[in-house]
Structure formats: C-alpha cells, structure tokens
Amino acid sequence: ECHATSIVRAIEDLLMVSRSLKESW
C-alpha cells in the first residue's frame, strides 16, 4: 500500500508537469 501510494504521487507529479506545459503552451 505504501509503494502504491508512492506510485500515485509520482503519477500526480507527472500530471502537474503536463498541466504546467499545457498552461505554458
């Protein structure tokens, strides 16, 4: 469960990067 939570956080960070790129674009 702890490892799965870390995966979710990493994916959320990727989503934030994606959102930031979209906003910049």
PDBML (XML) file of the C-alpha atoms, coordinates in Angstrom:
<?xml version="1.0" encoding="UTF-8" ?>
<PDBx:datablock datablockName="MODEL"
   xmlns:PDBx="http://pdbml.pdb.org/schema/pdbx-v50.xsd"
   xmlns:xsi="http://www.w3.org/2001/XMLSchema-instance"
   xsi:schemaLocation="http://pdbml.pdb.org/schema/pdbx-v50.xsd pdbx-v50.xsd">
   <PDBx:atom_siteCategory>
      <PDBx:atom_site id="1">
         <PDBx:B_iso_or_equiv>0.00</PDBx:B_iso_or_equiv>
         <PDBx:Cartn_x>0.000</PDBx:Cartn_x>
         <PDBx:Cartn_y>0.000</PDBx:Cartn_y>
         <PDBx:Cartn_z>0.000</PDBx:Cartn_z>
         <PDBx:auth_asym_id>A</PDBx:auth_asym_id>
         <PDBx:auth_atom_id>CA</PDBx:auth_atom_id>
         <PDBx:auth_comp_id>GLU</PDBx:auth_comp_id>
         <PDBx:auth_seq_id>1</PDBx:auth_seq_id>
         <PDBx:group_PDB>ATOM</PDBx:group_PDB>
         <PDBx:label_alt_id xsi:nil="true" />
         <PDBx:label_asym_id>A</PDBx:label_asym_id>
         <PDBx:label_atom_id>CA</PDBx:label_atom_id>
         <PDBx:label_comp_id>GLU</PDBx:label_comp_id>
         <PDBx:label_entity_id>1</PDBx:label_entity_id>
         <PDBx:label_seq_id>1</PDBx:label_seq_id>
         <PDBx:occupancy>1.00</PDBx:occupancy>
         <PDBx:pdbx_PDB_model_num>1</PDBx:pdbx_PDB_model_num>
         <PDBx:type_symbol>C</PDBx:type_symbol>
      </PDBx:atom_site>
      <PDBx:atom_site id="2">
         <PDBx:B_iso_or_equiv>0.00</PDBx:B_iso_or_equiv>
         <PDBx:Cartn_x>2.865</PDBx:Cartn_x>
         <PDBx:Cartn_y>2.391</PDBx:Cartn_y>
         <PDBx:Cartn_z>0.780</PDBx:Cartn_z>
         <PDBx:auth_asym_id>A</PDBx:auth_asym_id>
         <PDBx:auth_atom_id>CA</PDBx:auth_atom_id>
         <PDBx:auth_comp_id>CYS</PDBx:auth_comp_id>
         <PDBx:auth_seq_id>2</PDBx:auth_seq_id>
         <PDBx:group_PDB>ATOM</PDBx:group_PDB>
         <PDBx:label_alt_id xsi:nil="true" />
         <PDBx:label_asym_id>A</PDBx:label_asym_id>
         <PDBx:label_atom_id>CA</PDBx:label_atom_id>
         <PDBx:label_comp_id>CYS</PDBx:label_comp_id>
         <PDBx:label_entity_id>1</PDBx:label_entity_id>
         <PDBx:label_seq_id>2</PDBx:label_seq_id>
         <PDBx:occupancy>1.00</PDBx:occupancy>
         <PDBx:pdbx_PDB_model_num>1</PDBx:pdbx_PDB_model_num>
         <PDBx:type_symbol>C</PDBx:type_symbol>
      </PDBx:atom_site>
      <PDBx:atom_site id="3">
         <PDBx:B_iso_or_equiv>0.00</PDBx:B_iso_or_equiv>
         <PDBx:Cartn_x>4.540</PDBx:Cartn_x>
         <PDBx:Cartn_y>1.603</PDBx:Cartn_y>
         <PDBx:Cartn_z>-2.543</PDBx:Cartn_z>
         <PDBx:auth_asym_id>A</PDBx:auth_asym_id>
         <PDBx:auth_atom_id>CA</PDBx:auth_atom_id>
         <PDBx:auth_comp_id>HIS</PDBx:auth_comp_id>
         <PDBx:auth_seq_id>3</PDBx:auth_seq_id>
         <PDBx:group_PDB>ATOM</PDBx:group_PDB>
         <PDBx:label_alt_id xsi:nil="true" />
         <PDBx:label_asym_id>A</PDBx:label_asym_id>
         <PDBx:label_atom_id>CA</PDBx:label_atom_id>
         <PDBx:label_comp_id>HIS</PDBx:label_comp_id>
         <PDBx:label_entity_id>1</PDBx:label_entity_id>
         <PDBx:label_seq_id>3</PDBx:label_seq_id>
         <PDBx:occupancy>1.00</PDBx:occupancy>
         <PDBx:pdbx_PDB_model_num>1</PDBx:pdbx_PDB_model_num>
         <PDBx:type_symbol>C</PDBx:type_symbol>
      </PDBx:atom_site>
      <PDBx:atom_site id="4">
         <PDBx:B_iso_or_equiv>0.00</PDBx:B_iso_or_equiv>
         <PDBx:Cartn_x>1.230</PDBx:Cartn_x>
         <PDBx:Cartn_y>2.111</PDBx:Cartn_y>
         <PDBx:Cartn_z>-4.360</PDBx:Cartn_z>
         <PDBx:auth_asym_id>A</PDBx:auth_asym_id>
         <PDBx:auth_atom_id>CA</PDBx:auth_atom_id>
         <PDBx:auth_comp_id>ALA</PDBx:auth_comp_id>
         <PDBx:auth_seq_id>4</PDBx:auth_seq_id>
         <PDBx:group_PDB>ATOM</PDBx:group_PDB>
         <PDBx:label_alt_id xsi:nil="true" />
         <PDBx:label_asym_id>A</PDBx:label_asym_id>
         <PDBx:label_atom_id>CA</PDBx:label_atom_id>
         <PDBx:label_comp_id>ALA</PDBx:label_comp_id>
         <PDBx:label_entity_id>1</PDBx:label_entity_id>
         <PDBx:label_seq_id>4</PDBx:label_seq_id>
         <PDBx:occupancy>1.00</PDBx:occupancy>
         <PDBx:pdbx_PDB_model_num>1</PDBx:pdbx_PDB_model_num>
         <PDBx:type_symbol>C</PDBx:type_symbol>
      </PDBx:atom_site>
      <PDBx:atom_site id="5">
         <PDBx:B_iso_or_equiv>0.00</PDBx:B_iso_or_equiv>
         <PDBx:Cartn_x>0.839</PDBx:Cartn_x>
         <PDBx:Cartn_y>5.496</PDBx:Cartn_y>
         <PDBx:Cartn_z>-2.656</PDBx:Cartn_z>
         <PDBx:auth_asym_id>A</PDBx:auth_asym_id>
         <PDBx:auth_atom_id>CA</PDBx:auth_atom_id>
         <PDBx:auth_comp_id>THR</PDBx:auth_comp_id>
         <PDBx:auth_seq_id>5</PDBx:auth_seq_id>
         <PDBx:group_PDB>ATOM</PDBx:group_PDB>
         <PDBx:label_alt_id xsi:nil="true" />
         <PDBx:label_asym_id>A</PDBx:label_asym_id>
         <PDBx:label_atom_id>CA</PDBx:label_atom_id>
         <PDBx:label_comp_id>THR</PDBx:label_comp_id>
         <PDBx:label_entity_id>1</PDBx:label_entity_id>
         <PDBx:label_seq_id>5</PDBx:label_seq_id>
         <PDBx:occupancy>1.00</PDBx:occupancy>
         <PDBx:pdbx_PDB_model_num>1</PDBx:pdbx_PDB_model_num>
         <PDBx:type_symbol>C</PDBx:type_symbol>
      </PDBx:atom_site>
      <PDBx:atom_site id="6">
         <PDBx:B_iso_or_equiv>0.00</PDBx:B_iso_or_equiv>
         <PDBx:Cartn_x>4.304</PDBx:Cartn_x>
         <PDBx:Cartn_y>6.487</PDBx:Cartn_y>
         <PDBx:Cartn_z>-3.886</PDBx:Cartn_z>
         <PDBx:auth_asym_id>A</PDBx:auth_asym_id>
         <PDBx:auth_atom_id>CA</PDBx:auth_atom_id>
         <PDBx:auth_comp_id>SER</PDBx:auth_comp_id>
         <PDBx:auth_seq_id>6</PDBx:auth_seq_id>
         <PDBx:group_PDB>ATOM</PDBx:group_PDB>
         <PDBx:label_alt_id xsi:nil="true" />
         <PDBx:label_asym_id>A</PDBx:label_asym_id>
         <PDBx:label_atom_id>CA</PDBx:label_atom_id>
         <PDBx:label_comp_id>SER</PDBx:label_comp_id>
         <PDBx:label_entity_id>1</PDBx:label_entity_id>
         <PDBx:label_seq_id>6</PDBx:label_seq_id>
         <PDBx:occupancy>1.00</PDBx:occupancy>
         <PDBx:pdbx_PDB_model_num>1</PDBx:pdbx_PDB_model_num>
         <PDBx:type_symbol>C</PDBx:type_symbol>
      </PDBx:atom_site>
      <PDBx:atom_site id="7">
         <PDBx:B_iso_or_equiv>0.00</PDBx:B_iso_or_equiv>
         <PDBx:Cartn_x>3.330</PDBx:Cartn_x>
         <PDBx:Cartn_y>5.470</PDBx:Cartn_y>
         <PDBx:Cartn_z>-7.422</PDBx:Cartn_z>
         <PDBx:auth_asym_id>A</PDBx:auth_asym_id>
         <PDBx:auth_atom_id>CA</PDBx:auth_atom_id>
         <PDBx:auth_comp_id>ILE</PDBx:auth_comp_id>
         <PDBx:auth_seq_id>7</PDBx:auth_seq_id>
         <PDBx:group_PDB>ATOM</PDBx:group_PDB>
         <PDBx:label_alt_id xsi:nil="true" />
         <PDBx:label_asym_id>A</PDBx:label_asym_id>
         <PDBx:label_atom_id>CA</PDBx:label_atom_id>
         <PDBx:label_comp_id>ILE</PDBx:label_comp_id>
         <PDBx:label_entity_id>1</PDBx:label_entity_id>
         <PDBx:label_seq_id>7</PDBx:label_seq_id>
         <PDBx:occupancy>1.00</PDBx:occupancy>
         <PDBx:pdbx_PDB_model_num>1</PDBx:pdbx_PDB_model_num>
         <PDBx:type_symbol>C</PDBx:type_symbol>
      </PDBx:atom_site>
      <PDBx:atom_site id="8">
         <PDBx:B_iso_or_equiv>0.00</PDBx:B_iso_or_equiv>
         <PDBx:Cartn_x>0.179</PDBx:Cartn_x>
         <PDBx:Cartn_y>7.587</PDBx:Cartn_y>
         <PDBx:Cartn_z>-7.213</PDBx:Cartn_z>
         <PDBx:auth_asym_id>A</PDBx:auth_asym_id>
         <PDBx:auth_atom_id>CA</PDBx:auth_atom_id>
         <PDBx:auth_comp_id>VAL</PDBx:auth_comp_id>
         <PDBx:auth_seq_id>8</PDBx:auth_seq_id>
         <PDBx:group_PDB>ATOM</PDBx:group_PDB>
         <PDBx:label_alt_id xsi:nil="true" />
         <PDBx:label_asym_id>A</PDBx:label_asym_id>
         <PDBx:label_atom_id>CA</PDBx:label_atom_id>
         <PDBx:label_comp_id>VAL</PDBx:label_comp_id>
         <PDBx:label_entity_id>1</PDBx:label_entity_id>
         <PDBx:label_seq_id>8</PDBx:label_seq_id>
         <PDBx:occupancy>1.00</PDBx:occupancy>
         <PDBx:pdbx_PDB_model_num>1</PDBx:pdbx_PDB_model_num>
         <PDBx:type_symbol>C</PDBx:type_symbol>
      </PDBx:atom_site>
      <PDBx:atom_site id="9">
         <PDBx:B_iso_or_equiv>0.00</PDBx:B_iso_or_equiv>
         <PDBx:Cartn_x>2.205</PDBx:Cartn_x>
         <PDBx:Cartn_y>10.591</PDBx:Cartn_y>
         <PDBx:Cartn_z>-6.012</PDBx:Cartn_z>
         <PDBx:auth_asym_id>A</PDBx:auth_asym_id>
         <PDBx:auth_atom_id>CA</PDBx:auth_atom_id>
         <PDBx:auth_comp_id>ARG</PDBx:auth_comp_id>
         <PDBx:auth_seq_id>9</PDBx:auth_seq_id>
         <PDBx:group_PDB>ATOM</PDBx:group_PDB>
         <PDBx:label_alt_id xsi:nil="true" />
         <PDBx:label_asym_id>A</PDBx:label_asym_id>
         <PDBx:label_atom_id>CA</PDBx:label_atom_id>
         <PDBx:label_comp_id>ARG</PDBx:label_comp_id>
         <PDBx:label_entity_id>1</PDBx:label_entity_id>
         <PDBx:label_seq_id>9</PDBx:label_seq_id>
         <PDBx:occupancy>1.00</PDBx:occupancy>
         <PDBx:pdbx_PDB_model_num>1</PDBx:pdbx_PDB_model_num>
         <PDBx:type_symbol>C</PDBx:type_symbol>
      </PDBx:atom_site>
      <PDBx:atom_site id="10">
         <PDBx:B_iso_or_equiv>0.00</PDBx:B_iso_or_equiv>
         <PDBx:Cartn_x>4.675</PDBx:Cartn_x>
         <PDBx:Cartn_y>10.167</PDBx:Cartn_y>
         <PDBx:Cartn_z>-8.881</PDBx:Cartn_z>
         <PDBx:auth_asym_id>A</PDBx:auth_asym_id>
         <PDBx:auth_atom_id>CA</PDBx:auth_atom_id>
         <PDBx:auth_comp_id>ALA</PDBx:auth_comp_id>
         <PDBx:auth_seq_id>10</PDBx:auth_seq_id>
         <PDBx:group_PDB>ATOM</PDBx:group_PDB>
         <PDBx:label_alt_id xsi:nil="true" />
         <PDBx:label_asym_id>A</PDBx:label_asym_id>
         <PDBx:label_atom_id>CA</PDBx:label_atom_id>
         <PDBx:label_comp_id>ALA</PDBx:label_comp_id>
         <PDBx:label_entity_id>1</PDBx:label_entity_id>
         <PDBx:label_seq_id>10</PDBx:label_seq_id>
         <PDBx:occupancy>1.00</PDBx:occupancy>
         <PDBx:pdbx_PDB_model_num>1</PDBx:pdbx_PDB_model_num>
         <PDBx:type_symbol>C</PDBx:type_symbol>
      </PDBx:atom_site>
      <PDBx:atom_site id="11">
         <PDBx:B_iso_or_equiv>0.00</PDBx:B_iso_or_equiv>
         <PDBx:Cartn_x>1.828</PDBx:Cartn_x>
         <PDBx:Cartn_y>9.996</PDBx:Cartn_y>
         <PDBx:Cartn_z>-11.383</PDBx:Cartn_z>
         <PDBx:auth_asym_id>A</PDBx:auth_asym_id>
         <PDBx:auth_atom_id>CA</PDBx:auth_atom_id>
         <PDBx:auth_comp_id>ILE</PDBx:auth_comp_id>
         <PDBx:auth_seq_id>11</PDBx:auth_seq_id>
         <PDBx:group_PDB>ATOM</PDBx:group_PDB>
         <PDBx:label_alt_id xsi:nil="true" />
         <PDBx:label_asym_id>A</PDBx:label_asym_id>
         <PDBx:label_atom_id>CA</PDBx:label_atom_id>
         <PDBx:label_comp_id>ILE</PDBx:label_comp_id>
         <PDBx:label_entity_id>1</PDBx:label_entity_id>
         <PDBx:label_seq_id>11</PDBx:label_seq_id>
         <PDBx:occupancy>1.00</PDBx:occupancy>
         <PDBx:pdbx_PDB_model_num>1</PDBx:pdbx_PDB_model_num>
         <PDBx:type_symbol>C</PDBx:type_symbol>
      </PDBx:atom_site>
      <PDBx:atom_site id="12">
         <PDBx:B_iso_or_equiv>0.00</PDBx:B_iso_or_equiv>
         <PDBx:Cartn_x>0.267</PDBx:Cartn_x>
         <PDBx:Cartn_y>13.095</PDBx:Cartn_y>
         <PDBx:Cartn_z>-9.836</PDBx:Cartn_z>
         <PDBx:auth_asym_id>A</PDBx:auth_asym_id>
         <PDBx:auth_atom_id>CA</PDBx:auth_atom_id>
         <PDBx:auth_comp_id>GLU</PDBx:auth_comp_id>
         <PDBx:auth_seq_id>12</PDBx:auth_seq_id>
         <PDBx:group_PDB>ATOM</PDBx:group_PDB>
         <PDBx:label_alt_id xsi:nil="true" />
         <PDBx:label_asym_id>A</PDBx:label_asym_id>
         <PDBx:label_atom_id>CA</PDBx:label_atom_id>
         <PDBx:label_comp_id>GLU</PDBx:label_comp_id>
         <PDBx:label_entity_id>1</PDBx:label_entity_id>
         <PDBx:label_seq_id>12</PDBx:label_seq_id>
         <PDBx:occupancy>1.00</PDBx:occupancy>
         <PDBx:pdbx_PDB_model_num>1</PDBx:pdbx_PDB_model_num>
         <PDBx:type_symbol>C</PDBx:type_symbol>
      </PDBx:atom_site>
      <PDBx:atom_site id="13">
         <PDBx:B_iso_or_equiv>0.00</PDBx:B_iso_or_equiv>
         <PDBx:Cartn_x>3.594</PDBx:Cartn_x>
         <PDBx:Cartn_y>14.870</PDBx:Cartn_y>
         <PDBx:Cartn_z>-10.299</PDBx:Cartn_z>
         <PDBx:auth_asym_id>A</PDBx:auth_asym_id>
         <PDBx:auth_atom_id>CA</PDBx:auth_atom_id>
         <PDBx:auth_comp_id>ASP</PDBx:auth_comp_id>
         <PDBx:auth_seq_id>13</PDBx:auth_seq_id>
         <PDBx:group_PDB>ATOM</PDBx:group_PDB>
         <PDBx:label_alt_id xsi:nil="true" />
         <PDBx:label_asym_id>A</PDBx:label_asym_id>
         <PDBx:label_atom_id>CA</PDBx:label_atom_id>
         <PDBx:label_comp_id>ASP</PDBx:label_comp_id>
         <PDBx:label_entity_id>1</PDBx:label_entity_id>
         <PDBx:label_seq_id>13</PDBx:label_seq_id>
         <PDBx:occupancy>1.00</PDBx:occupancy>
         <PDBx:pdbx_PDB_model_num>1</PDBx:pdbx_PDB_model_num>
         <PDBx:type_symbol>C</PDBx:type_symbol>
      </PDBx:atom_site>
      <PDBx:atom_site id="14">
         <PDBx:B_iso_or_equiv>0.00</PDBx:B_iso_or_equiv>
         <PDBx:Cartn_x>3.567</PDBx:Cartn_x>
         <PDBx:Cartn_y>13.864</PDBx:Cartn_y>
         <PDBx:Cartn_z>-13.977</PDBx:Cartn_z>
         <PDBx:auth_asym_id>A</PDBx:auth_asym_id>
         <PDBx:auth_atom_id>CA</PDBx:auth_atom_id>
         <PDBx:auth_comp_id>LEU</PDBx:auth_comp_id>
         <PDBx:auth_seq_id>14</PDBx:auth_seq_id>
         <PDBx:group_PDB>ATOM</PDBx:group_PDB>
         <PDBx:label_alt_id xsi:nil="true" />
         <PDBx:label_asym_id>A</PDBx:label_asym_id>
         <PDBx:label_atom_id>CA</PDBx:label_atom_id>
         <PDBx:label_comp_id>LEU</PDBx:label_comp_id>
         <PDBx:label_entity_id>1</PDBx:label_entity_id>
         <PDBx:label_seq_id>14</PDBx:label_seq_id>
         <PDBx:occupancy>1.00</PDBx:occupancy>
         <PDBx:pdbx_PDB_model_num>1</PDBx:pdbx_PDB_model_num>
         <PDBx:type_symbol>C</PDBx:type_symbol>
      </PDBx:atom_site>
      <PDBx:atom_site id="15">
         <PDBx:B_iso_or_equiv>0.00</PDBx:B_iso_or_equiv>
         <PDBx:Cartn_x>0.063</PDBx:Cartn_x>
         <PDBx:Cartn_y>15.260</PDBx:Cartn_y>
         <PDBx:Cartn_z>-14.263</PDBx:Cartn_z>
         <PDBx:auth_asym_id>A</PDBx:auth_asym_id>
         <PDBx:auth_atom_id>CA</PDBx:auth_atom_id>
         <PDBx:auth_comp_id>LEU</PDBx:auth_comp_id>
         <PDBx:auth_seq_id>15</PDBx:auth_seq_id>
         <PDBx:group_PDB>ATOM</PDBx:group_PDB>
         <PDBx:label_alt_id xsi:nil="true" />
         <PDBx:label_asym_id>A</PDBx:label_asym_id>
         <PDBx:label_atom_id>CA</PDBx:label_atom_id>
         <PDBx:label_comp_id>LEU</PDBx:label_comp_id>
         <PDBx:label_entity_id>1</PDBx:label_entity_id>
         <PDBx:label_seq_id>15</PDBx:label_seq_id>
         <PDBx:occupancy>1.00</PDBx:occupancy>
         <PDBx:pdbx_PDB_model_num>1</PDBx:pdbx_PDB_model_num>
         <PDBx:type_symbol>C</PDBx:type_symbol>
      </PDBx:atom_site>
      <PDBx:atom_site id="16">
         <PDBx:B_iso_or_equiv>0.00</PDBx:B_iso_or_equiv>
         <PDBx:Cartn_x>1.263</PDBx:Cartn_x>
         <PDBx:Cartn_y>18.535</PDBx:Cartn_y>
         <PDBx:Cartn_z>-12.733</PDBx:Cartn_z>
         <PDBx:auth_asym_id>A</PDBx:auth_asym_id>
         <PDBx:auth_atom_id>CA</PDBx:auth_atom_id>
         <PDBx:auth_comp_id>MET</PDBx:auth_comp_id>
         <PDBx:auth_seq_id>16</PDBx:auth_seq_id>
         <PDBx:group_PDB>ATOM</PDBx:group_PDB>
         <PDBx:label_alt_id xsi:nil="true" />
         <PDBx:label_asym_id>A</PDBx:label_asym_id>
         <PDBx:label_atom_id>CA</PDBx:label_atom_id>
         <PDBx:label_comp_id>MET</PDBx:label_comp_id>
         <PDBx:label_entity_id>1</PDBx:label_entity_id>
         <PDBx:label_seq_id>16</PDBx:label_seq_id>
         <PDBx:occupancy>1.00</PDBx:occupancy>
         <PDBx:pdbx_PDB_model_num>1</PDBx:pdbx_PDB_model_num>
         <PDBx:type_symbol>C</PDBx:type_symbol>
      </PDBx:atom_site>
      <PDBx:atom_site id="17">
         <PDBx:B_iso_or_equiv>0.00</PDBx:B_iso_or_equiv>
         <PDBx:Cartn_x>4.109</PDBx:Cartn_x>
         <PDBx:Cartn_y>18.674</PDBx:Cartn_y>
         <PDBx:Cartn_z>-15.264</PDBx:Cartn_z>
         <PDBx:auth_asym_id>A</PDBx:auth_asym_id>
         <PDBx:auth_atom_id>CA</PDBx:auth_atom_id>
         <PDBx:auth_comp_id>VAL</PDBx:auth_comp_id>
         <PDBx:auth_seq_id>17</PDBx:auth_seq_id>
         <PDBx:group_PDB>ATOM</PDBx:group_PDB>
         <PDBx:label_alt_id xsi:nil="true" />
         <PDBx:label_asym_id>A</PDBx:label_asym_id>
         <PDBx:label_atom_id>CA</PDBx:label_atom_id>
         <PDBx:label_comp_id>VAL</PDBx:label_comp_id>
         <PDBx:label_entity_id>1</PDBx:label_entity_id>
         <PDBx:label_seq_id>17</PDBx:label_seq_id>
         <PDBx:occupancy>1.00</PDBx:occupancy>
         <PDBx:pdbx_PDB_model_num>1</PDBx:pdbx_PDB_model_num>
         <PDBx:type_symbol>C</PDBx:type_symbol>
      </PDBx:atom_site>
      <PDBx:atom_site id="18">
         <PDBx:B_iso_or_equiv>0.00</PDBx:B_iso_or_equiv>
         <PDBx:Cartn_x>1.618</PDBx:Cartn_x>
         <PDBx:Cartn_y>18.039</PDBx:Cartn_y>
         <PDBx:Cartn_z>-18.053</PDBx:Cartn_z>
         <PDBx:auth_asym_id>A</PDBx:auth_asym_id>
         <PDBx:auth_atom_id>CA</PDBx:auth_atom_id>
         <PDBx:auth_comp_id>SER</PDBx:auth_comp_id>
         <PDBx:auth_seq_id>18</PDBx:auth_seq_id>
         <PDBx:group_PDB>ATOM</PDBx:group_PDB>
         <PDBx:label_alt_id xsi:nil="true" />
         <PDBx:label_asym_id>A</PDBx:label_asym_id>
         <PDBx:label_atom_id>CA</PDBx:label_atom_id>
         <PDBx:label_comp_id>SER</PDBx:label_comp_id>
         <PDBx:label_entity_id>1</PDBx:label_entity_id>
         <PDBx:label_seq_id>18</PDBx:label_seq_id>
         <PDBx:occupancy>1.00</PDBx:occupancy>
         <PDBx:pdbx_PDB_model_num>1</PDBx:pdbx_PDB_model_num>
         <PDBx:type_symbol>C</PDBx:type_symbol>
      </PDBx:atom_site>
      <PDBx:atom_site id="19">
         <PDBx:B_iso_or_equiv>0.00</PDBx:B_iso_or_equiv>
         <PDBx:Cartn_x>-0.685</PDBx:Cartn_x>
         <PDBx:Cartn_y>20.749</PDBx:Cartn_y>
         <PDBx:Cartn_z>-16.750</PDBx:Cartn_z>
         <PDBx:auth_asym_id>A</PDBx:auth_asym_id>
         <PDBx:auth_atom_id>CA</PDBx:auth_atom_id>
         <PDBx:auth_comp_id>ARG</PDBx:auth_comp_id>
         <PDBx:auth_seq_id>19</PDBx:auth_seq_id>
         <PDBx:group_PDB>ATOM</PDBx:group_PDB>
         <PDBx:label_alt_id xsi:nil="true" />
         <PDBx:label_asym_id>A</PDBx:label_asym_id>
         <PDBx:label_atom_id>CA</PDBx:label_atom_id>
         <PDBx:label_comp_id>ARG</PDBx:label_comp_id>
         <PDBx:label_entity_id>1</PDBx:label_entity_id>
         <PDBx:label_seq_id>19</PDBx:label_seq_id>
         <PDBx:occupancy>1.00</PDBx:occupancy>
         <PDBx:pdbx_PDB_model_num>1</PDBx:pdbx_PDB_model_num>
         <PDBx:type_symbol>C</PDBx:type_symbol>
      </PDBx:atom_site>
      <PDBx:atom_site id="20">
         <PDBx:B_iso_or_equiv>0.00</PDBx:B_iso_or_equiv>
         <PDBx:Cartn_x>2.185</PDBx:Cartn_x>
         <PDBx:Cartn_y>23.198</PDBx:Cartn_y>
         <PDBx:Cartn_z>-16.439</PDBx:Cartn_z>
         <PDBx:auth_asym_id>A</PDBx:auth_asym_id>
         <PDBx:auth_atom_id>CA</PDBx:auth_atom_id>
         <PDBx:auth_comp_id>SER</PDBx:auth_comp_id>
         <PDBx:auth_seq_id>20</PDBx:auth_seq_id>
         <PDBx:group_PDB>ATOM</PDBx:group_PDB>
         <PDBx:label_alt_id xsi:nil="true" />
         <PDBx:label_asym_id>A</PDBx:label_asym_id>
         <PDBx:label_atom_id>CA</PDBx:label_atom_id>
         <PDBx:label_comp_id>SER</PDBx:label_comp_id>
         <PDBx:label_entity_id>1</PDBx:label_entity_id>
         <PDBx:label_seq_id>20</PDBx:label_seq_id>
         <PDBx:occupancy>1.00</PDBx:occupancy>
         <PDBx:pdbx_PDB_model_num>1</PDBx:pdbx_PDB_model_num>
         <PDBx:type_symbol>C</PDBx:type_symbol>
      </PDBx:atom_site>
      <PDBx:atom_site id="21">
         <PDBx:B_iso_or_equiv>0.00</PDBx:B_iso_or_equiv>
         <PDBx:Cartn_x>3.258</PDBx:Cartn_x>
         <PDBx:Cartn_y>22.507</PDBx:Cartn_y>
         <PDBx:Cartn_z>-20.024</PDBx:Cartn_z>
         <PDBx:auth_asym_id>A</PDBx:auth_asym_id>
         <PDBx:auth_atom_id>CA</PDBx:auth_atom_id>
         <PDBx:auth_comp_id>LEU</PDBx:auth_comp_id>
         <PDBx:auth_seq_id>21</PDBx:auth_seq_id>
         <PDBx:group_PDB>ATOM</PDBx:group_PDB>
         <PDBx:label_alt_id xsi:nil="true" />
         <PDBx:label_asym_id>A</PDBx:label_asym_id>
         <PDBx:label_atom_id>CA</PDBx:label_atom_id>
         <PDBx:label_comp_id>LEU</PDBx:label_comp_id>
         <PDBx:label_entity_id>1</PDBx:label_entity_id>
         <PDBx:label_seq_id>21</PDBx:label_seq_id>
         <PDBx:occupancy>1.00</PDBx:occupancy>
         <PDBx:pdbx_PDB_model_num>1</PDBx:pdbx_PDB_model_num>
         <PDBx:type_symbol>C</PDBx:type_symbol>
      </PDBx:atom_site>
      <PDBx:atom_site id="22">
         <PDBx:B_iso_or_equiv>0.00</PDBx:B_iso_or_equiv>
         <PDBx:Cartn_x>-0.312</PDBx:Cartn_x>
         <PDBx:Cartn_y>22.951</PDBx:Cartn_y>
         <PDBx:Cartn_z>-21.258</PDBx:Cartn_z>
         <PDBx:auth_asym_id>A</PDBx:auth_asym_id>
         <PDBx:auth_atom_id>CA</PDBx:auth_atom_id>
         <PDBx:auth_comp_id>LYS</PDBx:auth_comp_id>
         <PDBx:auth_seq_id>22</PDBx:auth_seq_id>
         <PDBx:group_PDB>ATOM</PDBx:group_PDB>
         <PDBx:label_alt_id xsi:nil="true" />
         <PDBx:label_asym_id>A</PDBx:label_asym_id>
         <PDBx:label_atom_id>CA</PDBx:label_atom_id>
         <PDBx:label_comp_id>LYS</PDBx:label_comp_id>
         <PDBx:label_entity_id>1</PDBx:label_entity_id>
         <PDBx:label_seq_id>22</PDBx:label_seq_id>
         <PDBx:occupancy>1.00</PDBx:occupancy>
         <PDBx:pdbx_PDB_model_num>1</PDBx:pdbx_PDB_model_num>
         <PDBx:type_symbol>C</PDBx:type_symbol>
      </PDBx:atom_site>
      <PDBx:atom_site id="23">
         <PDBx:B_iso_or_equiv>0.00</PDBx:B_iso_or_equiv>
         <PDBx:Cartn_x>-0.645</PDBx:Cartn_x>
         <PDBx:Cartn_y>26.257</PDBx:Cartn_y>
         <PDBx:Cartn_z>-19.414</PDBx:Cartn_z>
         <PDBx:auth_asym_id>A</PDBx:auth_asym_id>
         <PDBx:auth_atom_id>CA</PDBx:auth_atom_id>
         <PDBx:auth_comp_id>GLU</PDBx:auth_comp_id>
         <PDBx:auth_seq_id>23</PDBx:auth_seq_id>
         <PDBx:group_PDB>ATOM</PDBx:group_PDB>
         <PDBx:label_alt_id xsi:nil="true" />
         <PDBx:label_asym_id>A</PDBx:label_asym_id>
         <PDBx:label_atom_id>CA</PDBx:label_atom_id>
         <PDBx:label_comp_id>GLU</PDBx:label_comp_id>
         <PDBx:label_entity_id>1</PDBx:label_entity_id>
         <PDBx:label_seq_id>23</PDBx:label_seq_id>
         <PDBx:occupancy>1.00</PDBx:occupancy>
         <PDBx:pdbx_PDB_model_num>1</PDBx:pdbx_PDB_model_num>
         <PDBx:type_symbol>C</PDBx:type_symbol>
      </PDBx:atom_site>
      <PDBx:atom_site id="24">
         <PDBx:B_iso_or_equiv>0.00</PDBx:B_iso_or_equiv>
         <PDBx:Cartn_x>2.670</PDBx:Cartn_x>
         <PDBx:Cartn_y>27.465</PDBx:Cartn_y>
         <PDBx:Cartn_z>-20.780</PDBx:Cartn_z>
         <PDBx:auth_asym_id>A</PDBx:auth_asym_id>
         <PDBx:auth_atom_id>CA</PDBx:auth_atom_id>
         <PDBx:auth_comp_id>SER</PDBx:auth_comp_id>
         <PDBx:auth_seq_id>24</PDBx:auth_seq_id>
         <PDBx:group_PDB>ATOM</PDBx:group_PDB>
         <PDBx:label_alt_id xsi:nil="true" />
         <PDBx:label_asym_id>A</PDBx:label_asym_id>
         <PDBx:label_atom_id>CA</PDBx:label_atom_id>
         <PDBx:label_comp_id>SER</PDBx:label_comp_id>
         <PDBx:label_entity_id>1</PDBx:label_entity_id>
         <PDBx:label_seq_id>24</PDBx:label_seq_id>
         <PDBx:occupancy>1.00</PDBx:occupancy>
         <PDBx:pdbx_PDB_model_num>1</PDBx:pdbx_PDB_model_num>
         <PDBx:type_symbol>C</PDBx:type_symbol>
      </PDBx:atom_site>
      <PDBx:atom_site id="25">
         <PDBx:B_iso_or_equiv>0.00</PDBx:B_iso_or_equiv>
         <PDBx:Cartn_x>1.686</PDBx:Cartn_x>
         <PDBx:Cartn_y>26.405</PDBx:Cartn_y>
         <PDBx:Cartn_z>-24.267</PDBx:Cartn_z>
         <PDBx:auth_asym_id>A</PDBx:auth_asym_id>
         <PDBx:auth_atom_id>CA</PDBx:auth_atom_id>
         <PDBx:auth_comp_id>TRP</PDBx:auth_comp_id>
         <PDBx:auth_seq_id>25</PDBx:auth_seq_id>
         <PDBx:group_PDB>ATOM</PDBx:group_PDB>
         <PDBx:label_alt_id xsi:nil="true" />
         <PDBx:label_asym_id>A</PDBx:label_asym_id>
         <PDBx:label_atom_id>CA</PDBx:label_atom_id>
         <PDBx:label_comp_id>TRP</PDBx:label_comp_id>
         <PDBx:label_entity_id>1</PDBx:label_entity_id>
         <PDBx:label_seq_id>25</PDBx:label_seq_id>
         <PDBx:occupancy>1.00</PDBx:occupancy>
         <PDBx:pdbx_PDB_model_num>1</PDBx:pdbx_PDB_model_num>
         <PDBx:type_symbol>C</PDBx:type_symbol>
      </PDBx:atom_site>
   </PDBx:atom_siteCategory>
</PDBx:datablock>
